[in-house]
């Protein structure tokens, strides 16, 4: 049985998007209540009955949340241009080492806008 599991995480952060045109609202310093979903996928071992413990996903993601929460994203190494796209890849790159079943990261910048990165 192949399954996909999703666990969501939240953080508050400020950023500006330096590659946007002058005068664009996103070029100015502003903040978001970000959410990101960690999606893992794989085969369930019949004797176990589950893919991975949700607690293991949380343990892998918590250090990333601590690194982002209540910080100015542009000042974090690797996030000089913290678009949703770059943020999704940045999170993926940090989690795939400890979560080999990682399939995707979905960054929700607002209630209606999200970016999905699948490691390609």
N, C-alpha and C. Protein backbone atom coordinates (compact mmCIF):
# COMPACT_ATOMS: atom_id res chain seq x y z
N UNK A 1 0.86 -1.17 0.00
CA UNK A 1 0.00 0.00 0.00
C UNK A 1 0.90 1.23 0.00
N UNK A 2 0.71 2.11 -0.99
CA UNK A 2 1.47 3.36 -1.08
C UNK A 2 0.60 4.48 -0.53
N UNK A 3 1.18 5.30 0.37
CA UNK A 3 0.43 6.40 0.99
C UNK A 3 1.25 7.69 0.96
N UNK A 4 0.52 8.80 1.12
CA UNK A 4 1.14 10.12 1.30
C UNK A 4 0.62 10.68 2.61
N UNK A 5 1.52 11.12 3.47
CA UNK A 5 1.16 11.74 4.74
C UNK A 5 1.56 13.20 4.69
N UNK A 6 0.77 14.04 5.35
CA UNK A 6 1.05 15.47 5.42
C UNK A 6 1.01 15.93 6.87
N UNK A 7 2.02 16.69 7.27
CA UNK A 7 2.03 17.33 8.58
C UNK A 7 2.35 18.79 8.36
N UNK A 8 1.58 19.67 9.01
CA UNK A 8 1.71 21.12 8.82
C UNK A 8 2.43 21.78 9.97
N UNK A 9 3.16 22.84 9.63
CA UNK A 9 3.92 23.62 10.61
C UNK A 9 3.69 25.10 10.32
N UNK A 10 3.82 25.93 11.36
CA UNK A 10 3.56 27.37 11.24
C UNK A 10 4.75 28.15 11.76
N UNK A 11 4.96 29.32 11.16
CA UNK A 11 5.93 30.26 11.71
C UNK A 11 5.57 31.67 11.24
N UNK A 12 5.99 32.64 12.00
CA UNK A 12 5.79 34.06 11.69
C UNK A 12 7.14 34.62 11.27
N UNK A 13 7.17 35.39 10.19
CA UNK A 13 8.44 35.95 9.75
C UNK A 13 8.20 37.16 8.85
N UNK A 14 9.24 37.98 8.75
CA UNK A 14 9.24 39.14 7.87
C UNK A 14 10.19 38.88 6.70
N UNK A 15 9.91 39.54 5.59
CA UNK A 15 10.81 39.48 4.45
C UNK A 15 10.50 40.62 3.50
N UNK A 16 11.39 40.82 2.57
CA UNK A 16 11.11 41.65 1.40
C UNK A 16 11.65 40.88 0.21
N UNK A 17 11.12 41.18 -0.95
CA UNK A 17 11.49 40.43 -2.15
C UNK A 17 12.27 41.37 -3.09
N UNK A 18 13.61 41.30 -3.00
CA UNK A 18 14.46 42.29 -3.68
C UNK A 18 14.43 42.21 -5.21
N UNK A 19 13.93 41.14 -5.79
CA UNK A 19 13.92 41.04 -7.25
C UNK A 19 12.61 41.54 -7.86
N UNK A 20 11.67 41.92 -7.03
CA UNK A 20 10.42 42.51 -7.54
C UNK A 20 10.69 43.94 -8.00
N UNK A 21 9.87 44.46 -8.90
CA UNK A 21 10.09 45.82 -9.42
C UNK A 21 9.97 46.88 -8.32
N UNK A 22 10.71 47.97 -8.50
CA UNK A 22 10.58 49.11 -7.59
C UNK A 22 9.11 49.53 -7.53
N UNK A 23 8.64 49.83 -6.32
CA UNK A 23 7.26 50.25 -6.13
C UNK A 23 6.29 49.11 -5.88
N UNK A 24 6.69 47.88 -6.14
CA UNK A 24 5.81 46.73 -5.88
C UNK A 24 5.69 46.53 -4.37
N UNK A 25 4.51 46.22 -3.90
CA UNK A 25 4.29 46.08 -2.45
C UNK A 25 5.16 45.00 -1.83
N UNK A 26 5.49 43.96 -2.56
CA UNK A 26 6.31 42.88 -2.00
C UNK A 26 7.78 43.25 -1.88
N UNK A 27 8.16 44.34 -2.52
CA UNK A 27 9.55 44.82 -2.42
C UNK A 27 9.79 45.46 -1.06
N UNK A 28 8.70 45.93 -0.43
CA UNK A 28 8.80 46.56 0.89
C UNK A 28 8.84 45.48 1.98
N UNK A 29 9.44 45.81 3.09
CA UNK A 29 9.47 44.92 4.24
C UNK A 29 8.04 44.65 4.70
N UNK A 30 7.70 43.37 4.87
CA UNK A 30 6.36 42.97 5.33
C UNK A 30 6.47 41.58 5.96
N UNK A 31 5.41 41.15 6.61
CA UNK A 31 5.43 39.86 7.28
C UNK A 31 4.27 38.98 6.90
N UNK A 32 4.42 37.70 7.23
CA UNK A 32 3.38 36.71 6.97
C UNK A 32 3.28 35.74 8.13
N UNK A 33 2.12 35.14 8.25
CA UNK A 33 1.93 33.96 9.09
C UNK A 33 2.07 32.78 8.13
N UNK A 34 3.29 32.29 7.99
CA UNK A 34 3.56 31.21 7.05
C UNK A 34 3.09 29.87 7.59
N UNK A 35 2.73 28.99 6.67
CA UNK A 35 2.49 27.58 6.99
C UNK A 35 3.24 26.77 5.94
N UNK A 36 3.83 25.67 6.38
CA UNK A 36 4.37 24.76 5.38
C UNK A 36 3.95 23.34 5.72
N UNK A 37 3.67 22.59 4.67
CA UNK A 37 3.27 21.19 4.78
C UNK A 37 4.45 20.33 4.38
N UNK A 38 4.73 19.35 5.21
CA UNK A 38 5.74 18.34 4.90
C UNK A 38 4.98 17.11 4.42
N UNK A 39 5.27 16.69 3.20
CA UNK A 39 4.58 15.55 2.61
C UNK A 39 5.58 14.42 2.40
N UNK A 40 5.29 13.29 3.01
CA UNK A 40 6.12 12.09 2.84
C UNK A 40 5.29 11.05 2.11
N UNK A 41 5.98 10.19 1.37
CA UNK A 41 5.27 9.19 0.57
C UNK A 41 6.08 7.91 0.55
N UNK A 42 5.37 6.79 0.54
CA UNK A 42 6.07 5.52 0.43
C UNK A 42 5.15 4.34 0.68
N UNK A 43 5.78 3.19 0.68
CA UNK A 43 5.07 1.93 0.89
C UNK A 43 4.97 1.63 2.38
N UNK A 44 3.79 1.25 2.81
CA UNK A 44 3.55 0.85 4.20
C UNK A 44 3.96 -0.61 4.35
N UNK A 45 4.80 -0.86 5.32
CA UNK A 45 5.16 -2.25 5.62
C UNK A 45 3.97 -2.90 6.32
N UNK A 46 3.46 -4.02 5.78
CA UNK A 46 2.26 -4.64 6.35
C UNK A 46 2.39 -4.98 7.83
N UNK A 47 3.57 -5.40 8.25
CA UNK A 47 3.72 -5.77 9.67
C UNK A 47 3.69 -4.55 10.60
N UNK A 48 4.07 -3.36 10.09
CA UNK A 48 4.01 -2.14 10.88
C UNK A 48 2.64 -1.47 10.78
N UNK A 49 2.09 -1.40 9.58
CA UNK A 49 0.79 -0.76 9.37
C UNK A 49 0.84 0.75 9.23
N UNK A 50 2.05 1.35 9.22
CA UNK A 50 2.17 2.79 9.03
C UNK A 50 3.48 3.08 8.29
N UNK A 51 3.53 4.26 7.66
CA UNK A 51 4.72 4.66 6.89
C UNK A 51 5.80 5.22 7.81
N UNK A 52 5.42 6.22 8.60
CA UNK A 52 6.35 6.90 9.51
C UNK A 52 5.52 7.51 10.63
N UNK A 53 6.09 7.58 11.80
CA UNK A 53 5.44 8.21 12.94
C UNK A 53 5.38 9.72 12.69
N UNK A 54 4.21 10.33 12.86
CA UNK A 54 4.09 11.78 12.69
C UNK A 54 5.06 12.51 13.63
N UNK A 55 5.36 11.92 14.77
CA UNK A 55 6.33 12.51 15.70
C UNK A 55 7.72 12.60 15.09
N UNK A 56 8.08 11.67 14.22
CA UNK A 56 9.38 11.73 13.55
C UNK A 56 9.42 12.88 12.55
N UNK A 57 8.29 13.16 11.90
CA UNK A 57 8.23 14.30 10.98
C UNK A 57 8.39 15.59 11.79
N UNK A 58 7.69 15.67 12.93
CA UNK A 58 7.79 16.85 13.79
C UNK A 58 9.21 17.05 14.29
N UNK A 59 9.86 15.97 14.71
CA UNK A 59 11.23 16.08 15.21
C UNK A 59 12.18 16.59 14.12
N UNK A 60 11.95 16.21 12.88
CA UNK A 60 12.80 16.67 11.78
C UNK A 60 12.52 18.13 11.45
N UNK A 61 11.25 18.56 11.51
CA UNK A 61 10.87 19.90 11.09
C UNK A 61 11.06 20.96 12.18
N UNK A 62 11.00 20.59 13.44
CA UNK A 62 11.08 21.58 14.51
C UNK A 62 12.33 22.46 14.45
N UNK A 63 13.52 21.91 14.17
CA UNK A 63 14.69 22.80 14.07
C UNK A 63 14.58 23.82 12.94
N UNK A 64 13.93 23.45 11.85
CA UNK A 64 13.72 24.37 10.74
C UNK A 64 12.75 25.47 11.16
N UNK A 65 11.69 25.11 11.85
CA UNK A 65 10.73 26.10 12.34
C UNK A 65 11.44 27.09 13.27
N UNK A 66 12.27 26.57 14.17
CA UNK A 66 12.98 27.45 15.11
C UNK A 66 13.92 28.40 14.37
N UNK A 67 14.48 27.95 13.26
CA UNK A 67 15.39 28.78 12.49
C UNK A 67 14.65 29.92 11.76
N UNK A 68 13.37 29.72 11.45
CA UNK A 68 12.60 30.69 10.69
C UNK A 68 11.69 31.57 11.53
N UNK A 69 11.16 31.05 12.63
CA UNK A 69 10.11 31.72 13.38
C UNK A 69 10.59 33.03 14.01
N UNK A 70 9.89 34.11 13.67
CA UNK A 70 10.15 35.45 14.17
C UNK A 70 11.53 35.98 13.77
N UNK A 71 11.93 35.64 12.54
CA UNK A 71 13.17 36.17 11.98
C UNK A 71 12.89 36.91 10.68
N UNK A 72 13.86 37.72 10.29
CA UNK A 72 13.86 38.40 9.01
C UNK A 72 14.49 37.42 8.02
N UNK A 73 13.67 36.83 7.15
CA UNK A 73 14.12 35.72 6.30
C UNK A 73 15.30 36.10 5.42
N UNK A 74 15.36 37.33 4.93
CA UNK A 74 16.43 37.75 4.03
C UNK A 74 17.81 37.61 4.67
N UNK A 75 17.89 37.61 5.98
CA UNK A 75 19.17 37.54 6.69
C UNK A 75 19.60 36.09 6.98
N UNK A 76 18.76 35.12 6.67
CA UNK A 76 19.09 33.71 6.91
C UNK A 76 19.90 33.20 5.72
N UNK A 77 20.99 32.52 6.01
CA UNK A 77 21.87 32.00 4.97
C UNK A 77 21.07 31.19 3.95
N UNK A 78 21.18 31.58 2.69
CA UNK A 78 20.48 30.88 1.62
C UNK A 78 19.12 31.46 1.27
N UNK A 79 18.68 32.49 2.01
CA UNK A 79 17.36 33.07 1.75
C UNK A 79 17.42 34.58 1.48
N UNK A 80 18.44 35.02 0.79
CA UNK A 80 18.56 36.45 0.46
C UNK A 80 17.38 36.92 -0.38
N UNK A 81 16.79 36.01 -1.14
CA UNK A 81 15.60 36.32 -1.95
C UNK A 81 14.51 35.32 -1.55
N UNK A 82 13.85 35.55 -0.40
CA UNK A 82 12.95 34.55 0.19
C UNK A 82 11.55 34.50 -0.43
N UNK A 83 11.48 34.22 -1.72
CA UNK A 83 10.19 33.98 -2.36
C UNK A 83 9.63 32.66 -1.83
N UNK A 84 8.37 32.41 -2.04
CA UNK A 84 7.79 31.13 -1.64
C UNK A 84 8.51 29.98 -2.31
N UNK A 85 8.90 30.18 -3.57
CA UNK A 85 9.60 29.14 -4.32
C UNK A 85 10.94 28.81 -3.67
N UNK A 86 11.73 29.86 -3.37
CA UNK A 86 13.03 29.63 -2.75
C UNK A 86 12.90 29.08 -1.33
N UNK A 87 11.90 29.53 -0.61
CA UNK A 87 11.67 29.04 0.75
C UNK A 87 11.30 27.56 0.74
N UNK A 88 10.44 27.15 -0.19
CA UNK A 88 10.05 25.74 -0.29
C UNK A 88 11.27 24.86 -0.57
N UNK A 89 12.12 25.29 -1.48
CA UNK A 89 13.33 24.51 -1.80
C UNK A 89 14.28 24.49 -0.60
N UNK A 90 14.43 25.62 0.07
CA UNK A 90 15.32 25.73 1.23
C UNK A 90 14.88 24.75 2.32
N UNK A 91 13.59 24.69 2.60
CA UNK A 91 13.07 23.76 3.60
C UNK A 91 13.27 22.32 3.14
N UNK A 92 12.94 22.03 1.89
CA UNK A 92 13.10 20.68 1.34
C UNK A 92 14.55 20.21 1.50
N UNK A 93 15.49 21.07 1.12
CA UNK A 93 16.91 20.70 1.18
C UNK A 93 17.35 20.35 2.59
N UNK A 94 16.75 20.97 3.59
CA UNK A 94 17.14 20.68 4.98
C UNK A 94 16.45 19.44 5.53
N UNK A 95 15.26 19.12 5.04
CA UNK A 95 14.51 17.99 5.59
C UNK A 95 14.76 16.66 4.88
N UNK A 96 15.14 16.69 3.62
CA UNK A 96 15.26 15.41 2.90
C UNK A 96 16.38 14.54 3.46
N UNK A 97 17.32 15.13 4.15
CA UNK A 97 18.42 14.36 4.75
C UNK A 97 17.89 13.46 5.86
N UNK A 98 17.01 13.98 6.70
CA UNK A 98 16.49 13.20 7.84
C UNK A 98 15.17 12.52 7.54
N UNK A 99 14.52 12.92 6.44
CA UNK A 99 13.25 12.30 6.05
C UNK A 99 13.40 11.74 4.63
N UNK A 100 13.95 10.55 4.49
CA UNK A 100 14.17 10.00 3.14
C UNK A 100 12.89 9.81 2.34
N UNK A 101 11.74 9.71 3.00
CA UNK A 101 10.46 9.56 2.31
C UNK A 101 9.87 10.89 1.87
N UNK A 102 10.60 12.01 2.10
CA UNK A 102 10.07 13.33 1.76
C UNK A 102 9.73 13.39 0.28
N UNK A 103 8.50 13.79 0.01
CA UNK A 103 7.99 13.88 -1.36
C UNK A 103 7.85 15.33 -1.81
N UNK A 104 7.40 16.21 -0.90
CA UNK A 104 7.17 17.60 -1.28
C UNK A 104 7.10 18.49 -0.04
N UNK A 105 7.35 19.76 -0.27
CA UNK A 105 7.11 20.82 0.70
C UNK A 105 6.15 21.80 0.04
N UNK A 106 5.10 22.17 0.76
CA UNK A 106 4.16 23.18 0.26
C UNK A 106 4.22 24.37 1.24
N UNK A 107 4.63 25.52 0.72
CA UNK A 107 4.69 26.74 1.52
C UNK A 107 3.45 27.57 1.23
N UNK A 108 2.71 27.88 2.29
CA UNK A 108 1.52 28.74 2.20
C UNK A 108 1.93 30.12 2.72
N UNK A 109 2.05 31.06 1.81
CA UNK A 109 2.45 32.41 2.20
C UNK A 109 1.25 33.20 2.71
N UNK A 110 0.10 32.94 2.13
CA UNK A 110 -1.15 33.55 2.58
C UNK A 110 -2.21 32.45 2.59
N UNK A 111 -3.42 32.81 2.96
CA UNK A 111 -4.52 31.84 2.97
C UNK A 111 -4.87 31.35 1.58
N UNK A 112 -4.50 32.12 0.55
CA UNK A 112 -4.91 31.77 -0.81
C UNK A 112 -3.74 31.53 -1.77
N UNK A 113 -2.50 31.62 -1.27
CA UNK A 113 -1.33 31.47 -2.15
C UNK A 113 -0.35 30.47 -1.58
N UNK A 114 0.04 29.50 -2.42
CA UNK A 114 0.96 28.46 -1.96
C UNK A 114 1.88 28.05 -3.09
N UNK A 115 3.02 27.48 -2.71
CA UNK A 115 3.99 26.95 -3.67
C UNK A 115 4.38 25.54 -3.24
N UNK A 116 4.37 24.61 -4.18
CA UNK A 116 4.76 23.22 -3.91
C UNK A 116 6.08 22.93 -4.60
N UNK A 117 7.04 22.38 -3.84
CA UNK A 117 8.34 21.99 -4.38
C UNK A 117 8.54 20.50 -4.13
N UNK A 118 8.93 19.78 -5.20
CA UNK A 118 9.07 18.34 -5.14
C UNK A 118 10.51 17.86 -5.35
N UNK A 119 11.48 18.73 -5.11
CA UNK A 119 12.87 18.30 -5.17
C UNK A 119 13.48 18.24 -6.55
N UNK A 120 12.87 18.89 -7.51
CA UNK A 120 13.42 18.87 -8.89
C UNK A 120 13.63 20.28 -9.39
